N, C-alpha and C. Protein backbone atom coordinates (compact mmCIF):
# COMPACT_ATOMS: atom_id res chain seq x y z
N MET A 1 0.84 -1.20 0.00
CA MET A 1 0.00 0.00 0.00
C MET A 1 0.88 1.25 0.00
N THR A 2 0.54 2.20 -0.84
CA THR A 2 1.29 3.45 -0.93
C THR A 2 0.93 4.38 0.22
N ILE A 3 1.93 4.99 0.81
CA ILE A 3 1.71 5.96 1.89
C ILE A 3 1.83 7.36 1.31
N ARG A 4 0.77 8.13 1.40
CA ARG A 4 0.72 9.47 0.84
C ARG A 4 1.24 10.47 1.87
N VAL A 5 2.24 11.29 1.46
CA VAL A 5 2.95 12.14 2.42
C VAL A 5 2.89 13.61 2.00
N LEU A 6 2.69 14.48 2.98
CA LEU A 6 2.77 15.93 2.81
C LEU A 6 3.95 16.44 3.63
N ILE A 7 4.84 17.22 3.01
CA ILE A 7 6.01 17.77 3.70
C ILE A 7 5.75 19.22 4.09
N VAL A 8 6.09 19.58 5.34
CA VAL A 8 5.94 20.95 5.81
C VAL A 8 7.28 21.43 6.37
N ASP A 9 7.90 22.40 5.69
CA ASP A 9 9.16 22.98 6.15
C ASP A 9 9.33 24.32 5.45
N ASP A 10 9.85 25.32 6.17
CA ASP A 10 9.94 26.65 5.58
C ASP A 10 11.21 26.84 4.74
N HIS A 11 12.07 25.83 4.68
CA HIS A 11 13.29 25.93 3.87
C HIS A 11 13.15 25.08 2.62
N GLU A 12 13.25 25.73 1.46
CA GLU A 12 13.08 25.01 0.20
C GLU A 12 14.12 23.92 0.02
N ILE A 13 15.35 24.20 0.44
CA ILE A 13 16.41 23.21 0.27
C ILE A 13 16.13 21.96 1.11
N VAL A 14 15.51 22.13 2.26
CA VAL A 14 15.15 20.97 3.09
C VAL A 14 14.04 20.17 2.42
N ARG A 15 13.04 20.87 1.91
CA ARG A 15 11.94 20.18 1.23
C ARG A 15 12.46 19.41 0.01
N SER A 16 13.37 20.04 -0.74
CA SER A 16 13.93 19.38 -1.92
C SER A 16 14.72 18.13 -1.53
N GLY A 17 15.51 18.25 -0.47
CA GLY A 17 16.28 17.11 0.00
C GLY A 17 15.39 15.97 0.46
N MET A 18 14.31 16.30 1.16
CA MET A 18 13.39 15.27 1.63
C MET A 18 12.67 14.62 0.45
N GLN A 19 12.34 15.44 -0.55
CA GLN A 19 11.69 14.89 -1.74
C GLN A 19 12.57 13.85 -2.41
N LEU A 20 13.86 14.18 -2.58
CA LEU A 20 14.79 13.24 -3.19
C LEU A 20 14.93 11.97 -2.34
N MET A 21 14.93 12.16 -1.02
CA MET A 21 15.04 11.03 -0.12
C MET A 21 13.83 10.11 -0.23
N LEU A 22 12.63 10.71 -0.25
CA LEU A 22 11.41 9.92 -0.28
C LEU A 22 11.22 9.20 -1.60
N GLU A 23 11.78 9.74 -2.67
CA GLU A 23 11.66 9.11 -3.98
C GLU A 23 12.36 7.76 -4.04
N ASP A 24 13.24 7.49 -3.08
CA ASP A 24 13.96 6.21 -3.04
C ASP A 24 13.09 5.07 -2.52
N ASP A 25 11.94 5.41 -1.96
CA ASP A 25 11.05 4.38 -1.41
C ASP A 25 9.80 4.27 -2.27
N ASP A 26 9.60 3.11 -2.89
CA ASP A 26 8.46 2.91 -3.80
C ASP A 26 7.13 2.92 -3.07
N GLN A 27 7.17 2.77 -1.76
CA GLN A 27 5.92 2.70 -0.99
C GLN A 27 5.43 4.08 -0.55
N ILE A 28 6.21 5.12 -0.85
CA ILE A 28 5.86 6.47 -0.39
C ILE A 28 5.59 7.37 -1.59
N GLU A 29 4.49 8.11 -1.54
CA GLU A 29 4.13 9.05 -2.59
C GLU A 29 4.05 10.46 -2.00
N LEU A 30 4.86 11.38 -2.50
CA LEU A 30 4.80 12.76 -2.05
C LEU A 30 3.67 13.47 -2.79
N ILE A 31 2.66 13.94 -2.04
CA ILE A 31 1.49 14.54 -2.68
C ILE A 31 1.43 16.06 -2.51
N GLY A 32 2.34 16.65 -1.74
CA GLY A 32 2.30 18.09 -1.58
C GLY A 32 3.37 18.60 -0.65
N GLU A 33 3.60 19.92 -0.71
CA GLU A 33 4.56 20.59 0.15
C GLU A 33 3.96 21.89 0.67
N ALA A 34 4.35 22.29 1.86
CA ALA A 34 3.92 23.55 2.44
C ALA A 34 5.11 24.20 3.13
N GLU A 35 5.18 25.54 3.04
CA GLU A 35 6.31 26.25 3.65
C GLU A 35 5.90 27.02 4.90
N ASN A 36 4.63 26.92 5.31
CA ASN A 36 4.19 27.58 6.54
C ASN A 36 3.04 26.79 7.16
N GLY A 37 2.70 27.15 8.38
CA GLY A 37 1.68 26.41 9.11
C GLY A 37 0.29 26.53 8.55
N GLU A 38 -0.08 27.72 8.08
CA GLU A 38 -1.42 27.92 7.53
C GLU A 38 -1.63 27.04 6.30
N ASP A 39 -0.64 27.02 5.40
CA ASP A 39 -0.75 26.19 4.21
C ASP A 39 -0.75 24.71 4.58
N ALA A 40 0.00 24.36 5.61
CA ALA A 40 0.04 22.97 6.06
C ALA A 40 -1.35 22.49 6.47
N VAL A 41 -2.04 23.31 7.25
CA VAL A 41 -3.39 22.94 7.70
C VAL A 41 -4.32 22.83 6.51
N ARG A 42 -4.27 23.83 5.63
CA ARG A 42 -5.17 23.84 4.46
C ARG A 42 -4.95 22.61 3.58
N LEU A 43 -3.69 22.32 3.26
CA LEU A 43 -3.39 21.18 2.38
C LEU A 43 -3.70 19.85 3.05
N ALA A 44 -3.44 19.76 4.34
CA ALA A 44 -3.73 18.51 5.06
C ALA A 44 -5.23 18.21 5.02
N VAL A 45 -6.05 19.23 5.20
CA VAL A 45 -7.50 19.04 5.19
C VAL A 45 -8.00 18.75 3.77
N GLU A 46 -7.40 19.42 2.77
CA GLU A 46 -7.82 19.22 1.38
C GLU A 46 -7.36 17.87 0.82
N LEU A 47 -6.10 17.51 1.06
CA LEU A 47 -5.51 16.34 0.43
C LEU A 47 -5.64 15.07 1.27
N LEU A 48 -5.83 15.22 2.57
CA LEU A 48 -5.93 14.10 3.50
C LEU A 48 -4.79 13.08 3.30
N PRO A 49 -3.55 13.52 3.47
CA PRO A 49 -2.42 12.58 3.36
C PRO A 49 -2.46 11.56 4.49
N ASP A 50 -1.73 10.48 4.30
CA ASP A 50 -1.61 9.51 5.40
C ASP A 50 -0.71 10.05 6.49
N VAL A 51 0.34 10.78 6.07
CA VAL A 51 1.32 11.31 7.02
C VAL A 51 1.72 12.74 6.62
N VAL A 52 1.75 13.63 7.60
CA VAL A 52 2.32 14.97 7.43
C VAL A 52 3.65 15.00 8.16
N ILE A 53 4.73 15.28 7.42
CA ILE A 53 6.04 15.44 8.06
C ILE A 53 6.16 16.92 8.43
N MET A 54 6.14 17.22 9.70
CA MET A 54 5.96 18.58 10.19
C MET A 54 7.20 19.14 10.90
N ASP A 55 7.70 20.27 10.40
CA ASP A 55 8.72 21.01 11.12
C ASP A 55 8.03 21.79 12.24
N ILE A 56 8.76 22.14 13.28
CA ILE A 56 8.18 22.90 14.39
C ILE A 56 8.32 24.40 14.17
N THR A 57 9.48 24.84 13.72
CA THR A 57 9.74 26.27 13.55
C THR A 57 9.27 26.71 12.17
N LEU A 58 8.16 27.45 12.13
CA LEU A 58 7.57 27.92 10.88
C LEU A 58 7.33 29.42 10.97
N PRO A 59 7.23 30.12 9.84
CA PRO A 59 7.17 31.59 9.86
C PRO A 59 5.86 32.19 10.35
N ASP A 60 4.77 31.44 10.37
CA ASP A 60 3.51 32.02 10.86
C ASP A 60 3.09 31.29 12.14
N ILE A 61 2.15 30.38 12.05
CA ILE A 61 1.86 29.54 13.22
C ILE A 61 2.90 28.43 13.26
N ASN A 62 3.31 28.04 14.44
CA ASN A 62 4.36 27.02 14.52
C ASN A 62 3.80 25.62 14.28
N GLY A 63 4.70 24.65 14.19
CA GLY A 63 4.28 23.29 13.89
C GLY A 63 3.40 22.67 14.96
N ILE A 64 3.55 23.12 16.18
CA ILE A 64 2.71 22.60 17.27
C ILE A 64 1.26 23.02 17.06
N GLU A 65 1.04 24.30 16.79
CA GLU A 65 -0.31 24.79 16.56
C GLU A 65 -0.88 24.22 15.26
N ALA A 66 -0.05 24.12 14.22
CA ALA A 66 -0.52 23.54 12.96
C ALA A 66 -0.96 22.10 13.16
N THR A 67 -0.20 21.35 13.94
CA THR A 67 -0.57 19.96 14.25
C THR A 67 -1.89 19.90 14.99
N ARG A 68 -2.06 20.79 15.95
CA ARG A 68 -3.30 20.83 16.72
C ARG A 68 -4.51 21.07 15.81
N ARG A 69 -4.36 22.00 14.87
CA ARG A 69 -5.47 22.33 13.96
C ARG A 69 -5.74 21.18 12.99
N ILE A 70 -4.67 20.56 12.50
CA ILE A 70 -4.86 19.43 11.58
C ILE A 70 -5.61 18.29 12.26
N LYS A 71 -5.21 17.96 13.48
CA LYS A 71 -5.85 16.85 14.18
C LYS A 71 -7.29 17.17 14.55
N ALA A 72 -7.58 18.46 14.73
CA ALA A 72 -8.96 18.86 15.04
C ALA A 72 -9.86 18.72 13.82
N GLN A 73 -9.33 19.03 12.63
CA GLN A 73 -10.12 19.02 11.40
C GLN A 73 -10.01 17.71 10.62
N ALA A 74 -8.90 17.01 10.76
CA ALA A 74 -8.69 15.76 10.03
C ALA A 74 -7.97 14.77 10.95
N PRO A 75 -8.67 14.25 11.95
CA PRO A 75 -8.03 13.39 12.96
C PRO A 75 -7.40 12.13 12.40
N GLU A 76 -7.82 11.72 11.20
CA GLU A 76 -7.25 10.50 10.63
C GLU A 76 -5.85 10.70 10.04
N VAL A 77 -5.43 11.96 9.89
CA VAL A 77 -4.11 12.27 9.35
C VAL A 77 -3.06 12.15 10.45
N ALA A 78 -2.03 11.36 10.21
CA ALA A 78 -0.95 11.21 11.19
C ALA A 78 0.10 12.29 10.97
N VAL A 79 0.63 12.81 12.05
CA VAL A 79 1.65 13.85 11.98
C VAL A 79 2.96 13.32 12.56
N LEU A 80 4.03 13.46 11.77
CA LEU A 80 5.36 13.06 12.20
C LEU A 80 6.23 14.31 12.29
N ALA A 81 6.65 14.67 13.50
CA ALA A 81 7.51 15.84 13.68
C ALA A 81 8.92 15.49 13.23
N MET A 82 9.49 16.36 12.38
CA MET A 82 10.87 16.20 11.95
C MET A 82 11.54 17.54 12.11
N THR A 83 12.41 17.67 13.11
CA THR A 83 12.84 18.99 13.53
C THR A 83 14.27 18.97 14.07
N ILE A 84 14.85 20.16 14.17
CA ILE A 84 16.17 20.29 14.79
C ILE A 84 16.06 20.26 16.31
N HIS A 85 14.87 20.46 16.84
CA HIS A 85 14.67 20.54 18.30
C HIS A 85 14.59 19.14 18.90
N GLU A 86 15.54 18.81 19.77
CA GLU A 86 15.54 17.49 20.41
C GLU A 86 15.25 17.56 21.90
N GLU A 87 14.90 18.75 22.40
CA GLU A 87 14.61 18.90 23.82
C GLU A 87 13.26 18.26 24.15
N PRO A 88 13.16 17.58 25.31
CA PRO A 88 11.92 16.88 25.67
C PRO A 88 10.69 17.77 25.68
N GLU A 89 10.84 19.06 26.03
CA GLU A 89 9.66 19.90 26.12
C GLU A 89 8.97 20.07 24.77
N TYR A 90 9.76 20.08 23.69
CA TYR A 90 9.15 20.18 22.36
C TYR A 90 8.38 18.90 22.03
N PHE A 91 8.97 17.77 22.38
CA PHE A 91 8.26 16.51 22.14
C PHE A 91 6.94 16.48 22.88
N PHE A 92 6.96 16.85 24.16
CA PHE A 92 5.73 16.82 24.94
C PHE A 92 4.65 17.71 24.32
N GLU A 93 5.04 18.89 23.85
CA GLU A 93 4.07 19.80 23.24
C GLU A 93 3.51 19.22 21.94
N MET A 94 4.38 18.60 21.12
CA MET A 94 3.90 17.98 19.89
C MET A 94 2.98 16.80 20.20
N LEU A 95 3.33 16.03 21.21
CA LEU A 95 2.49 14.89 21.60
C LEU A 95 1.11 15.37 22.04
N LYS A 96 1.07 16.41 22.86
CA LYS A 96 -0.21 16.96 23.31
C LYS A 96 -1.02 17.50 22.15
N ALA A 97 -0.33 18.01 21.12
CA ALA A 97 -1.02 18.55 19.95
C ALA A 97 -1.58 17.45 19.06
N GLY A 98 -1.07 16.22 19.21
CA GLY A 98 -1.61 15.11 18.44
C GLY A 98 -0.63 14.40 17.53
N ALA A 99 0.66 14.76 17.59
CA ALA A 99 1.66 14.10 16.74
C ALA A 99 1.82 12.64 17.15
N SER A 100 2.16 11.80 16.16
CA SER A 100 2.34 10.37 16.41
C SER A 100 3.80 9.95 16.39
N GLY A 101 4.70 10.87 16.04
CA GLY A 101 6.11 10.52 15.97
C GLY A 101 6.99 11.74 16.04
N TYR A 102 8.27 11.52 16.35
CA TYR A 102 9.19 12.64 16.54
C TYR A 102 10.59 12.18 16.16
N VAL A 103 11.15 12.77 15.11
CA VAL A 103 12.51 12.42 14.68
C VAL A 103 13.30 13.70 14.43
N PRO A 104 14.61 13.69 14.70
CA PRO A 104 15.45 14.85 14.41
C PRO A 104 15.80 14.89 12.92
N LYS A 105 16.16 16.08 12.43
CA LYS A 105 16.48 16.22 11.02
C LYS A 105 17.77 15.49 10.63
N ARG A 106 18.58 15.12 11.61
CA ARG A 106 19.81 14.40 11.32
C ARG A 106 19.54 12.92 11.07
N VAL A 107 18.30 12.48 11.15
CA VAL A 107 17.97 11.06 11.06
C VAL A 107 18.36 10.50 9.68
N ALA A 108 18.78 9.24 9.64
CA ALA A 108 19.13 8.57 8.39
C ALA A 108 17.85 8.25 7.61
N SER A 109 17.99 8.13 6.30
CA SER A 109 16.83 7.91 5.45
C SER A 109 16.07 6.63 5.82
N GLU A 110 16.81 5.56 6.15
CA GLU A 110 16.15 4.31 6.51
C GLU A 110 15.26 4.48 7.74
N GLU A 111 15.74 5.26 8.70
CA GLU A 111 14.95 5.46 9.91
C GLU A 111 13.74 6.36 9.65
N LEU A 112 13.91 7.33 8.74
CA LEU A 112 12.77 8.18 8.37
C LEU A 112 11.69 7.33 7.70
N PHE A 113 12.09 6.43 6.79
CA PHE A 113 11.11 5.56 6.14
C PHE A 113 10.37 4.71 7.18
N LYS A 114 11.13 4.19 8.15
CA LYS A 114 10.51 3.38 9.20
C LYS A 114 9.52 4.21 10.01
N ALA A 115 9.90 5.45 10.35
CA ALA A 115 9.02 6.32 11.13
C ALA A 115 7.73 6.59 10.37
N ILE A 116 7.83 6.85 9.07
CA ILE A 116 6.65 7.11 8.26
C ILE A 116 5.72 5.89 8.25
N GLU A 117 6.31 4.72 8.07
CA GLU A 117 5.51 3.49 8.06
C GLU A 117 4.81 3.26 9.39
N VAL A 118 5.53 3.51 10.48
CA VAL A 118 4.98 3.26 11.81
C VAL A 118 3.80 4.19 12.11
N VAL A 119 3.96 5.49 11.87
CA VAL A 119 2.87 6.42 12.19
C VAL A 119 1.72 6.25 11.22
N ALA A 120 2.00 5.89 9.97
CA ALA A 120 0.93 5.65 9.00
C ALA A 120 0.06 4.47 9.41
N ALA A 121 0.68 3.51 10.13
CA ALA A 121 -0.05 2.33 10.60
C ALA A 121 -0.81 2.59 11.90
N GLY A 122 -0.72 3.83 12.40
CA GLY A 122 -1.46 4.18 13.60
C GLY A 122 -0.69 4.02 14.89
N HIS A 123 0.63 3.82 14.78
CA HIS A 123 1.45 3.64 15.98
C HIS A 123 2.29 4.89 16.26
N VAL A 124 3.06 4.85 17.34
CA VAL A 124 3.91 5.98 17.73
C VAL A 124 5.37 5.62 17.48
N PHE A 125 6.12 6.58 16.91
CA PHE A 125 7.53 6.35 16.64
C PHE A 125 8.38 7.42 17.30
N LEU A 126 9.42 6.99 18.05
CA LEU A 126 10.39 7.91 18.65
C LEU A 126 11.79 7.48 18.23
N GLU A 127 12.56 8.38 17.68
CA GLU A 127 13.95 8.11 17.36
C GLU A 127 14.68 7.77 18.65
N PRO A 128 15.57 6.76 18.64
CA PRO A 128 16.18 6.25 19.88
C PRO A 128 16.80 7.30 20.80
N VAL A 129 17.56 8.24 20.25
CA VAL A 129 18.19 9.26 21.10
C VAL A 129 17.13 10.14 21.75
N VAL A 130 16.10 10.50 20.98
CA VAL A 130 15.00 11.30 21.53
C VAL A 130 14.30 10.51 22.63
N ALA A 131 14.07 9.23 22.39
CA ALA A 131 13.41 8.39 23.40
C ALA A 131 14.23 8.31 24.67
N LYS A 132 15.56 8.17 24.52
CA LYS A 132 16.44 8.10 25.69
C LYS A 132 16.36 9.38 26.49
N ASN A 133 16.45 10.53 25.80
CA ASN A 133 16.37 11.82 26.49
C ASN A 133 15.03 11.99 27.18
N LEU A 134 13.98 11.51 26.53
CA LEU A 134 12.64 11.63 27.10
C LEU A 134 12.53 10.83 28.38
N VAL A 135 13.01 9.60 28.36
CA VAL A 135 12.94 8.75 29.55
C VAL A 135 13.79 9.33 30.67
N THR A 136 14.99 9.82 30.33
CA THR A 136 15.87 10.42 31.34
C THR A 136 15.20 11.62 31.99
N ASP A 137 14.59 12.48 31.15
CA ASP A 137 13.92 13.66 31.67
C ASP A 137 12.74 13.27 32.55
N TYR A 138 12.00 12.25 32.14
CA TYR A 138 10.85 11.80 32.92
C TYR A 138 11.29 11.27 34.28
N LEU A 139 12.36 10.46 34.30
CA LEU A 139 12.83 9.89 35.55
C LEU A 139 13.31 10.98 36.51
N GLU A 140 14.02 11.97 35.95
CA GLU A 140 14.49 13.08 36.79
C GLU A 140 13.30 13.84 37.37
N LEU A 141 12.27 14.04 36.54
CA LEU A 141 11.08 14.76 37.00
C LEU A 141 10.35 13.95 38.07
N ALA A 142 10.22 12.63 37.85
CA ALA A 142 9.52 11.78 38.81
C ALA A 142 10.24 11.76 40.15
N GLN A 143 11.58 11.69 40.11
CA GLN A 143 12.36 11.62 41.34
C GLN A 143 12.35 12.92 42.12
N SER A 144 12.19 14.03 41.39
CA SER A 144 12.27 15.33 42.07
C SER A 144 10.91 15.99 42.24
N GLY A 145 9.84 15.24 41.91
CA GLY A 145 8.51 15.84 41.91
C GLY A 145 8.12 16.54 43.20
N GLY A 146 8.28 15.83 44.34
CA GLY A 146 7.89 16.44 45.60
C GLY A 146 8.74 17.63 45.97
N ASP A 147 10.05 17.49 45.80
CA ASP A 147 10.96 18.59 46.11
C ASP A 147 10.69 19.79 45.22
N GLU A 148 10.39 19.52 43.94
CA GLU A 148 10.14 20.62 43.00
C GLU A 148 8.92 21.43 43.42
N LYS A 149 7.86 20.74 43.85
CA LYS A 149 6.67 21.46 44.29
C LYS A 149 6.98 22.33 45.49
N ALA A 150 7.75 21.77 46.43
CA ALA A 150 8.10 22.53 47.63
C ALA A 150 8.92 23.76 47.27
N ARG A 151 9.85 23.60 46.31
CA ARG A 151 10.67 24.74 45.91
C ARG A 151 9.82 25.82 45.25
N TYR A 152 8.88 25.40 44.39
CA TYR A 152 8.03 26.38 43.72
C TYR A 152 7.14 27.10 44.72
N ASP A 153 6.60 26.34 45.66
CA ASP A 153 5.74 26.95 46.69
C ASP A 153 6.51 27.96 47.53
N GLY A 154 7.84 27.82 47.56
CA GLY A 154 8.66 28.73 48.33
C GLY A 154 8.95 30.06 47.64
N LEU A 155 8.55 30.18 46.38
CA LEU A 155 8.76 31.45 45.67
C LEU A 155 7.74 32.48 46.10
N THR A 156 8.16 33.73 46.13
CA THR A 156 7.22 34.81 46.40
C THR A 156 6.42 35.09 45.12
N PRO A 157 5.24 35.74 45.22
CA PRO A 157 4.48 36.08 44.02
C PRO A 157 5.31 36.87 43.00
N ARG A 158 6.15 37.80 43.48
CA ARG A 158 6.97 38.59 42.57
C ARG A 158 8.01 37.72 41.87
N GLU A 159 8.60 36.77 42.59
CA GLU A 159 9.58 35.87 41.99
C GLU A 159 8.93 35.00 40.91
N ARG A 160 7.68 34.62 41.14
CA ARG A 160 6.98 33.83 40.12
C ARG A 160 6.72 34.67 38.86
N GLU A 161 6.41 35.94 39.05
CA GLU A 161 6.24 36.83 37.91
C GLU A 161 7.54 36.96 37.12
N VAL A 162 8.63 37.14 37.82
CA VAL A 162 9.94 37.27 37.17
C VAL A 162 10.31 35.97 36.45
N LEU A 163 10.05 34.84 37.08
CA LEU A 163 10.30 33.54 36.46
C LEU A 163 9.58 33.43 35.12
N THR A 164 8.31 33.75 35.11
CA THR A 164 7.51 33.64 33.89
C THR A 164 8.03 34.57 32.80
N LEU A 165 8.38 35.78 33.15
CA LEU A 165 8.84 36.75 32.16
C LEU A 165 10.22 36.39 31.60
N ILE A 166 11.11 35.89 32.46
CA ILE A 166 12.41 35.44 31.97
C ILE A 166 12.23 34.29 30.99
N ALA A 167 11.35 33.35 31.33
CA ALA A 167 11.11 32.21 30.44
C ALA A 167 10.50 32.64 29.12
N ARG A 168 9.81 33.78 29.12
CA ARG A 168 9.23 34.31 27.86
C ARG A 168 10.22 35.19 27.11
N ASP A 169 11.49 35.17 27.54
CA ASP A 169 12.59 35.85 26.85
C ASP A 169 12.59 37.36 27.05
N TYR A 170 12.00 37.83 28.14
CA TYR A 170 12.10 39.25 28.48
C TYR A 170 13.50 39.54 29.00
N THR A 171 14.05 40.69 28.66
CA THR A 171 15.32 41.14 29.24
C THR A 171 15.05 41.68 30.65
N ASN A 172 16.13 41.86 31.42
CA ASN A 172 15.96 42.44 32.76
C ASN A 172 15.32 43.82 32.69
N GLN A 173 15.74 44.62 31.69
CA GLN A 173 15.17 45.96 31.55
C GLN A 173 13.69 45.90 31.20
N ALA A 174 13.32 44.96 30.32
CA ALA A 174 11.91 44.83 29.94
C ALA A 174 11.06 44.37 31.12
N ILE A 175 11.63 43.48 31.94
CA ILE A 175 10.90 43.04 33.14
C ILE A 175 10.72 44.20 34.10
N ALA A 176 11.78 44.98 34.27
CA ALA A 176 11.71 46.14 35.17
C ALA A 176 10.63 47.11 34.70
N ASN A 177 10.59 47.37 33.40
CA ASN A 177 9.58 48.29 32.85
C ASN A 177 8.17 47.74 33.05
N LYS A 178 8.00 46.45 32.82
CA LYS A 178 6.67 45.85 32.91
C LYS A 178 6.16 45.82 34.35
N LEU A 179 7.06 45.56 35.30
CA LEU A 179 6.64 45.42 36.70
C LEU A 179 6.78 46.71 37.50
N GLY A 180 7.40 47.72 36.88
CA GLY A 180 7.56 48.99 37.57
C GLY A 180 8.56 48.95 38.70
N ILE A 181 9.64 48.18 38.50
CA ILE A 181 10.68 48.07 39.52
C ILE A 181 12.03 48.35 38.85
N SER A 182 13.09 48.43 39.63
CA SER A 182 14.42 48.71 39.07
C SER A 182 15.06 47.43 38.52
N VAL A 183 16.03 47.62 37.64
CA VAL A 183 16.76 46.48 37.10
C VAL A 183 17.48 45.72 38.20
N LYS A 184 18.04 46.45 39.17
CA LYS A 184 18.73 45.79 40.29
C LYS A 184 17.77 44.90 41.08
N THR A 185 16.53 45.37 41.23
CA THR A 185 15.54 44.56 41.94
C THR A 185 15.21 43.30 41.15
N VAL A 186 15.11 43.44 39.83
CA VAL A 186 14.88 42.28 38.97
C VAL A 186 16.02 41.27 39.13
N GLU A 187 17.24 41.77 39.12
CA GLU A 187 18.41 40.89 39.25
C GLU A 187 18.40 40.16 40.59
N ARG A 188 17.98 40.88 41.63
CA ARG A 188 17.93 40.26 42.95
C ARG A 188 16.86 39.17 42.99
N HIS A 189 15.68 39.48 42.43
CA HIS A 189 14.61 38.47 42.37
C HIS A 189 15.08 37.25 41.58
N ARG A 190 15.78 37.51 40.47
CA ARG A 190 16.25 36.42 39.62
C ARG A 190 17.23 35.53 40.38
N GLU A 191 18.17 36.13 41.07
CA GLU A 191 19.15 35.35 41.83
C GLU A 191 18.45 34.52 42.92
N ASN A 192 17.55 35.14 43.64
CA ASN A 192 16.84 34.43 44.70
C ASN A 192 16.02 33.27 44.14
N MET A 193 15.33 33.55 43.03
CA MET A 193 14.46 32.55 42.43
C MET A 193 15.27 31.37 41.88
N MET A 194 16.36 31.65 41.19
CA MET A 194 17.20 30.59 40.65
C MET A 194 17.80 29.74 41.77
N HIS A 195 18.18 30.40 42.88
CA HIS A 195 18.74 29.68 44.02
C HIS A 195 17.69 28.76 44.64
N LYS A 196 16.49 29.27 44.85
CA LYS A 196 15.43 28.46 45.45
C LYS A 196 15.06 27.26 44.59
N LEU A 197 15.05 27.45 43.27
CA LEU A 197 14.65 26.38 42.35
C LEU A 197 15.81 25.46 41.98
N GLU A 198 17.02 25.85 42.37
CA GLU A 198 18.22 25.08 42.05
C GLU A 198 18.38 24.94 40.54
N LEU A 199 18.17 26.04 39.83
CA LEU A 199 18.34 26.10 38.38
C LEU A 199 19.57 26.95 38.08
N HIS A 200 20.29 26.58 37.02
CA HIS A 200 21.56 27.25 36.78
C HIS A 200 21.72 27.79 35.35
N SER A 201 20.66 27.71 34.55
CA SER A 201 20.74 28.24 33.20
C SER A 201 19.36 28.63 32.73
N ARG A 202 19.31 29.47 31.70
CA ARG A 202 18.02 29.89 31.16
C ARG A 202 17.28 28.70 30.53
N THR A 203 18.04 27.79 29.90
CA THR A 203 17.41 26.61 29.29
C THR A 203 16.68 25.78 30.34
N ALA A 204 17.35 25.56 31.46
CA ALA A 204 16.72 24.80 32.55
C ALA A 204 15.50 25.54 33.08
N LEU A 205 15.58 26.85 33.13
CA LEU A 205 14.47 27.66 33.62
C LEU A 205 13.27 27.56 32.67
N VAL A 206 13.52 27.60 31.36
CA VAL A 206 12.43 27.50 30.38
C VAL A 206 11.76 26.14 30.48
N LYS A 207 12.56 25.07 30.60
CA LYS A 207 11.99 23.73 30.76
C LYS A 207 11.10 23.67 32.00
N TYR A 208 11.60 24.25 33.06
CA TYR A 208 10.84 24.26 34.32
C TYR A 208 9.52 25.01 34.14
N ALA A 209 9.57 26.17 33.50
CA ALA A 209 8.37 26.99 33.31
C ALA A 209 7.34 26.27 32.45
N ILE A 210 7.80 25.51 31.46
CA ILE A 210 6.88 24.76 30.61
C ILE A 210 6.24 23.64 31.41
N ARG A 211 7.04 22.92 32.20
CA ARG A 211 6.50 21.84 33.02
C ARG A 211 5.44 22.35 33.99
N LYS A 212 5.67 23.55 34.53
CA LYS A 212 4.73 24.12 35.50
C LYS A 212 3.52 24.74 34.82
N GLY A 213 3.52 24.80 33.48
CA GLY A 213 2.40 25.39 32.77
C GLY A 213 2.40 26.91 32.80
N LEU A 214 3.56 27.52 33.12
CA LEU A 214 3.63 28.97 33.20
C LEU A 214 3.71 29.60 31.80
N ILE A 215 4.30 28.87 30.85
CA ILE A 215 4.36 29.33 29.46
C ILE A 215 4.12 28.14 28.56
N ASP A 216 3.82 28.41 27.27
CA ASP A 216 3.80 27.34 26.29
C ASP A 216 4.81 27.69 25.22
N LEU A 217 4.97 26.80 24.26
CA LEU A 217 6.01 27.01 23.24
C LEU A 217 5.47 27.81 22.08
């Protein structure tokens, strides 16, 4: 049985490379391409492919929102995320949106073909390295669950505001302007908050904020 595929990526060279790759498999038929999220949703609903290969970073609505809309309007269409983002938080967001698989763009052609076949058959596919990172992140979260709640409960309301704004990529000056406080006060809140949460980088802070539901991607 032929698997009908729609490619979504904002880079033409990536789409062309994937097209050449997919042509090597007689069981896969490329039926369309989209360079943004809006076109992806429209074509997915019109063409009803078996699989949409979806990038996350797109110029209008991102791949997470596009996936959510596709699954709402055409639930029978399987979505396979193929992206440069290998962080667990992106996978979780794609999974919640309705994606059935997640592979990095560095994946070999044989593994991409396997992923397409698996999600087209109604199953879930995770590239091994992504799966390993996911399990590691889950275990760390499970082991620290109680302590994490206690640490978050220990933040002041102002520290929680600063946490959310930092995770949304606000600068210290922008936070100061928004909250009506000085930059030095923002820095002090940031230091206190990072110490209480035992976080040591902005990446860790963003992951934490996503887990707590303070921001989305």
